[in-house]
Protein backbone atom coordinates (compact mmCIF):
# COMPACT_ATOMS: atom_id res chain seq x y z
CA MET A 1 22.74 92.18 19.25
CA ILE A 2 20.03 90.21 21.09
CA PRO A 3 21.20 91.18 24.61
CA SER A 4 21.12 94.86 23.54
CA ILE A 5 17.54 94.57 22.34
CA SER A 6 16.53 92.72 25.48
CA LYS A 7 18.07 95.54 27.48
CA LYS A 8 16.13 98.05 25.44
CA LEU A 9 12.94 96.10 26.01
CA GLY A 10 13.64 96.23 29.73
CA LEU A 11 14.19 99.95 29.62
CA THR A 12 10.90 100.40 27.77
CA LEU A 13 9.02 98.48 30.41
CA LEU A 14 10.92 100.37 33.11
CA SER A 15 9.89 103.64 31.50
CA ALA A 16 6.29 102.53 31.64
CA VAL A 17 6.66 101.71 35.35
CA MET A 18 8.37 105.01 36.07
CA LEU A 19 5.69 106.83 34.16
CA SER A 20 3.12 105.17 36.34
CA ALA A 21 5.10 106.10 39.49
CA PHE A 22 5.38 109.77 38.56
CA THR A 23 1.68 110.00 37.87
CA GLY A 24 0.85 108.31 41.15
CA CYS A 25 -2.46 106.53 41.04
CA LYS A 26 -3.44 108.22 37.86
CA THR A 27 -4.11 105.91 34.92
CA VAL A 28 -1.54 105.98 32.12
CA SER A 29 -2.99 107.49 29.01
CA GLN A 30 -4.20 105.08 26.38
CA ARG A 31 -1.84 106.66 23.87
CA ASP A 32 1.22 106.08 26.06
CA TYR A 33 0.05 102.60 26.87
CA ASP A 34 -0.51 101.72 23.22
CA ALA A 35 2.89 103.21 22.30
CA ALA A 36 4.63 101.09 24.95
CA ILE A 37 2.83 97.97 23.82
CA GLU A 38 3.66 98.68 20.17
CA GLU A 39 7.34 99.25 20.96
CA ASN A 40 7.37 96.13 23.09
CA THR A 41 5.82 94.11 20.29
CA THR A 42 8.28 95.55 17.74
CA LEU A 43 11.23 94.70 19.94
CA ARG A 44 9.96 91.15 20.48
CA GLU A 45 9.60 90.69 16.72
CA ARG A 46 13.13 91.98 16.17
CA ILE A 47 14.46 89.63 18.85
CA ALA A 48 12.64 86.70 17.22
CA ALA A 49 14.01 87.67 13.80
CA LEU A 50 17.53 87.96 15.13
CA GLN A 51 17.21 84.63 16.93
CA SER A 52 16.06 83.04 13.69
CA SER A 53 19.04 84.57 11.88
CA THR A 54 21.34 83.28 14.59
CA ASP A 55 19.90 79.78 14.27
CA GLN A 56 20.29 79.88 10.49
CA ALA A 57 23.88 81.05 10.82
CA ALA A 58 24.60 78.22 13.27
CA GLN A 59 23.09 75.69 10.89
CA ALA A 60 25.10 77.10 7.98
CA ASN A 61 28.26 76.99 10.08
CA GLN A 62 27.62 73.35 11.01
CA SER A 63 27.03 72.57 7.34
CA TYR A 64 30.40 74.14 6.48
CA ILE A 65 32.04 72.10 9.25
CA ASP A 66 30.47 68.88 7.94
CA GLN A 67 31.55 69.68 4.36
CA ASN A 68 35.06 70.46 5.57
CA ASN A 69 35.23 67.14 7.41
CA GLU A 70 34.04 65.32 4.28
CA LEU A 71 36.68 67.08 2.18
CA ARG A 72 39.36 66.18 4.73
CA ALA A 73 38.27 62.53 4.64
CA GLU A 74 38.25 62.49 0.83
CA ASN A 75 41.67 64.14 0.75
CA GLN A 76 43.01 61.50 3.13
CA ARG A 77 41.52 58.74 0.99
CA LEU A 78 43.19 60.12 -2.15
CA THR A 79 46.46 60.58 -0.26
CA ASP A 80 46.34 56.94 0.85
CA MET A 81 45.55 55.81 -2.71
CA LEU A 82 48.51 57.81 -4.04
CA ALA A 83 50.82 56.34 -1.40
CA THR A 84 49.63 52.83 -2.30
CA ALA A 85 50.08 53.50 -6.01
CA GLN A 86 53.58 54.85 -5.43
CA ALA A 87 54.48 51.85 -3.27
CA ASN A 88 52.92 49.41 -5.77
CA PRO A 89 53.16 51.02 -9.20
CA ASN A 90 51.28 49.61 -12.16
CA THR A 91 53.11 46.58 -13.52
CA GLY A 92 51.42 46.36 -16.91
CA PHE A 93 49.81 42.99 -16.16
CA GLU A 94 46.73 44.43 -14.50
CA GLY A 95 43.49 43.64 -16.32
CA ILE A 96 44.69 40.46 -18.04
CA ASP A 97 42.01 37.76 -17.69
CA GLY A 98 42.99 34.83 -15.50
CA VAL A 99 45.97 36.66 -14.00
CA ASP A 100 46.61 38.09 -10.54
CA VAL A 101 49.59 40.32 -9.80
CA GLY A 102 51.52 40.64 -6.54
CA ARG A 103 54.94 41.35 -5.13
CA ARG A 104 57.28 39.43 -2.90
CA ASN A 105 59.30 40.92 -0.09
CA GLY A 106 62.29 41.45 -2.34
CA GLY A 107 60.18 43.51 -4.74
CA GLU A 108 59.88 40.74 -7.33
CA ILE A 109 56.74 40.98 -9.44
CA VAL A 110 54.69 37.78 -9.38
CA VAL A 111 52.23 37.13 -12.19
CA GLY A 112 50.07 34.23 -11.04
CA VAL A 113 47.97 32.12 -13.40
CA GLU A 114 45.74 29.30 -12.14
CA ALA A 115 46.65 25.95 -13.65
CA ASP A 116 42.97 25.40 -14.44
CA VAL A 117 43.21 28.41 -16.76
CA LEU A 118 46.25 26.97 -18.54
CA PHE A 119 45.81 23.19 -18.44
CA ASN A 120 43.23 20.44 -18.23
CA SER A 121 43.40 18.19 -15.19
CA GLY A 122 46.57 16.05 -15.16
CA SER A 123 47.80 17.61 -18.40
CA ALA A 124 50.81 19.78 -19.25
CA ASP A 125 49.43 20.72 -22.66
CA LEU A 126 48.34 24.34 -22.85
CA ARG A 127 44.65 24.90 -23.44
CA LYS A 128 43.81 26.83 -26.60
CA ASP A 129 41.89 29.48 -24.68
CA ALA A 130 44.88 29.99 -22.35
CA ARG A 131 47.08 31.19 -25.16
CA ALA A 132 45.34 34.57 -25.34
CA THR A 133 46.28 35.14 -21.70
CA LEU A 134 49.91 34.15 -22.26
CA ASP A 135 50.07 36.25 -25.43
CA ARG A 136 49.29 39.35 -23.38
CA VAL A 137 51.74 38.34 -20.66
CA ALA A 138 54.45 37.84 -23.28
CA GLY A 139 53.70 41.26 -24.76
CA VAL A 140 54.19 42.98 -21.40
CA LEU A 141 57.39 41.02 -20.71
CA LYS A 142 58.87 42.09 -24.04
CA SER A 143 57.85 45.74 -23.80
CA ASN A 144 58.41 46.42 -20.08
CA TYR A 145 60.84 43.78 -18.80
CA ALA A 146 63.10 42.83 -21.69
CA SER A 147 66.19 43.26 -19.51
CA ASN A 148 64.83 41.35 -16.51
CA THR A 149 65.38 37.68 -15.76
CA VAL A 150 62.09 35.77 -15.61
CA ARG A 151 61.52 32.56 -13.67
CA VAL A 152 58.48 30.43 -14.48
CA GLU A 153 57.46 28.49 -11.36
CA GLY A 154 55.18 25.45 -11.42
CA TYR A 155 53.08 24.41 -8.40
CA THR A 156 50.50 21.71 -7.66
CA ASP A 157 48.17 20.82 -4.81
CA THR A 158 49.14 18.25 -2.18
CA ASP A 159 47.11 15.34 -3.58
CA LYS A 160 49.39 12.42 -4.38
CA LEU A 161 49.34 11.10 -7.91
CA VAL A 162 48.49 7.45 -8.54
CA LYS A 163 51.81 6.18 -9.86
CA THR A 164 50.33 3.18 -11.69
CA LYS A 165 47.96 5.35 -13.70
CA ASP A 166 49.60 8.78 -13.95
CA LYS A 167 52.55 9.25 -16.31
CA TRP A 168 53.94 12.09 -14.18
CA LYS A 169 54.45 9.85 -11.14
CA THR A 170 55.00 12.85 -8.83
CA ASN A 171 53.59 16.33 -8.38
CA GLU A 172 57.07 17.75 -8.88
CA ASN A 173 57.26 16.20 -12.35
CA LEU A 174 53.83 17.58 -13.28
CA SER A 175 54.70 21.06 -12.01
CA ALA A 176 58.01 20.95 -13.93
CA ALA A 177 56.28 19.98 -17.18
CA ARG A 178 53.74 22.74 -16.80
CA ALA A 179 56.34 25.39 -16.00
CA LEU A 180 58.40 24.30 -18.99
CA ALA A 181 55.32 24.43 -21.24
CA VAL A 182 54.67 28.04 -20.21
CA GLU A 183 58.34 28.95 -20.62
CA SER A 184 58.44 27.44 -24.10
CA TYR A 185 55.30 29.29 -25.12
CA LEU A 186 56.63 32.64 -23.92
CA VAL A 187 59.90 32.10 -25.76
CA GLY A 188 57.92 31.20 -28.86
CA LYS A 189 56.18 34.57 -28.55
CA GLY A 190 59.45 36.48 -28.55
CA VAL A 191 60.57 36.51 -24.93
CA ASP A 192 64.37 36.24 -24.85
CA ASN A 193 65.28 32.59 -24.24
CA ASP A 194 68.40 33.67 -22.36
CA MET A 195 66.34 35.71 -19.90
CA VAL A 196 63.77 33.08 -18.87
CA TYR A 197 63.99 29.72 -17.12
CA SER A 198 61.58 27.37 -15.33
CA ALA A 199 61.50 25.81 -11.85
CA ALA A 200 59.35 23.09 -10.28
CA PHE A 201 58.00 23.40 -6.73
CA GLY A 202 55.27 20.75 -6.74
CA PRO A 203 53.07 21.03 -3.64
CA SER A 204 55.46 23.30 -1.73
CA ASN A 205 54.22 26.77 -0.75
CA PRO A 206 50.51 25.86 -0.99
CA LYS A 207 47.76 28.48 -1.12
CA ALA A 208 44.59 28.54 0.99
CA THR A 209 42.74 26.15 -1.32
CA LYS A 210 43.74 23.27 -3.59
CA LYS A 211 42.42 25.17 -6.59
CA ASP A 212 44.63 28.17 -5.82
CA SER A 213 47.60 25.87 -5.12
CA ARG A 214 47.47 24.49 -8.67
CA ARG A 215 49.13 27.37 -10.47
CA VAL A 216 52.01 28.72 -12.51
CA GLU A 217 53.74 31.89 -11.32
CA ILE A 218 55.80 34.03 -13.65
CA VAL A 219 58.27 35.86 -11.46
CA ILE A 220 60.09 38.92 -12.75
CA LEU A 221 63.42 39.26 -10.99
CA GLY A 222 65.47 42.43 -10.56
CA ASN A 223 68.11 43.36 -13.09
């Protein structure tokens, strides 16, 4: 629409020039002059208004583009979350204090509990405040994994025990005692004794820190 108005403005000015040519050296009447100026002014105002409308439309269009891009990004984020949830469905152990949940390559669910949560240093006796954590773990095992075999794995850090002062003598012995203590507690809470067993790994398969390496992992195997 703007080019059309510009063209009209040009024609108006051209008309004024032609009018002047036809009249020769005579002065254009004030009325005709005022009319041309008024029409020129009106057309300029219309052009300015249309330009403003065009600018507003461009801004609105850019806003729609930005919103669309945001919606696309949010949709992709939700799609990725859904794919992750489908690949790693809720195990039932999420949200239990002192527990972290992961999976091994074979799909086995690993419920890790730091030894410091379960035991005092150098001890294989369960702490009283650790029992609440194991109670919840046992509840999930009974309700969701009653038909699965469960292996309780004990681990330690790489620090060697002082044989003359420590009754465990080796890290393997300490990790075995701790794994067995957790197994016995779970069985006592109703986990099927025939579906659970313990294993000692001592300092093998260490984590990034010594604290993380001292742990018990409850591994849920496939049926």
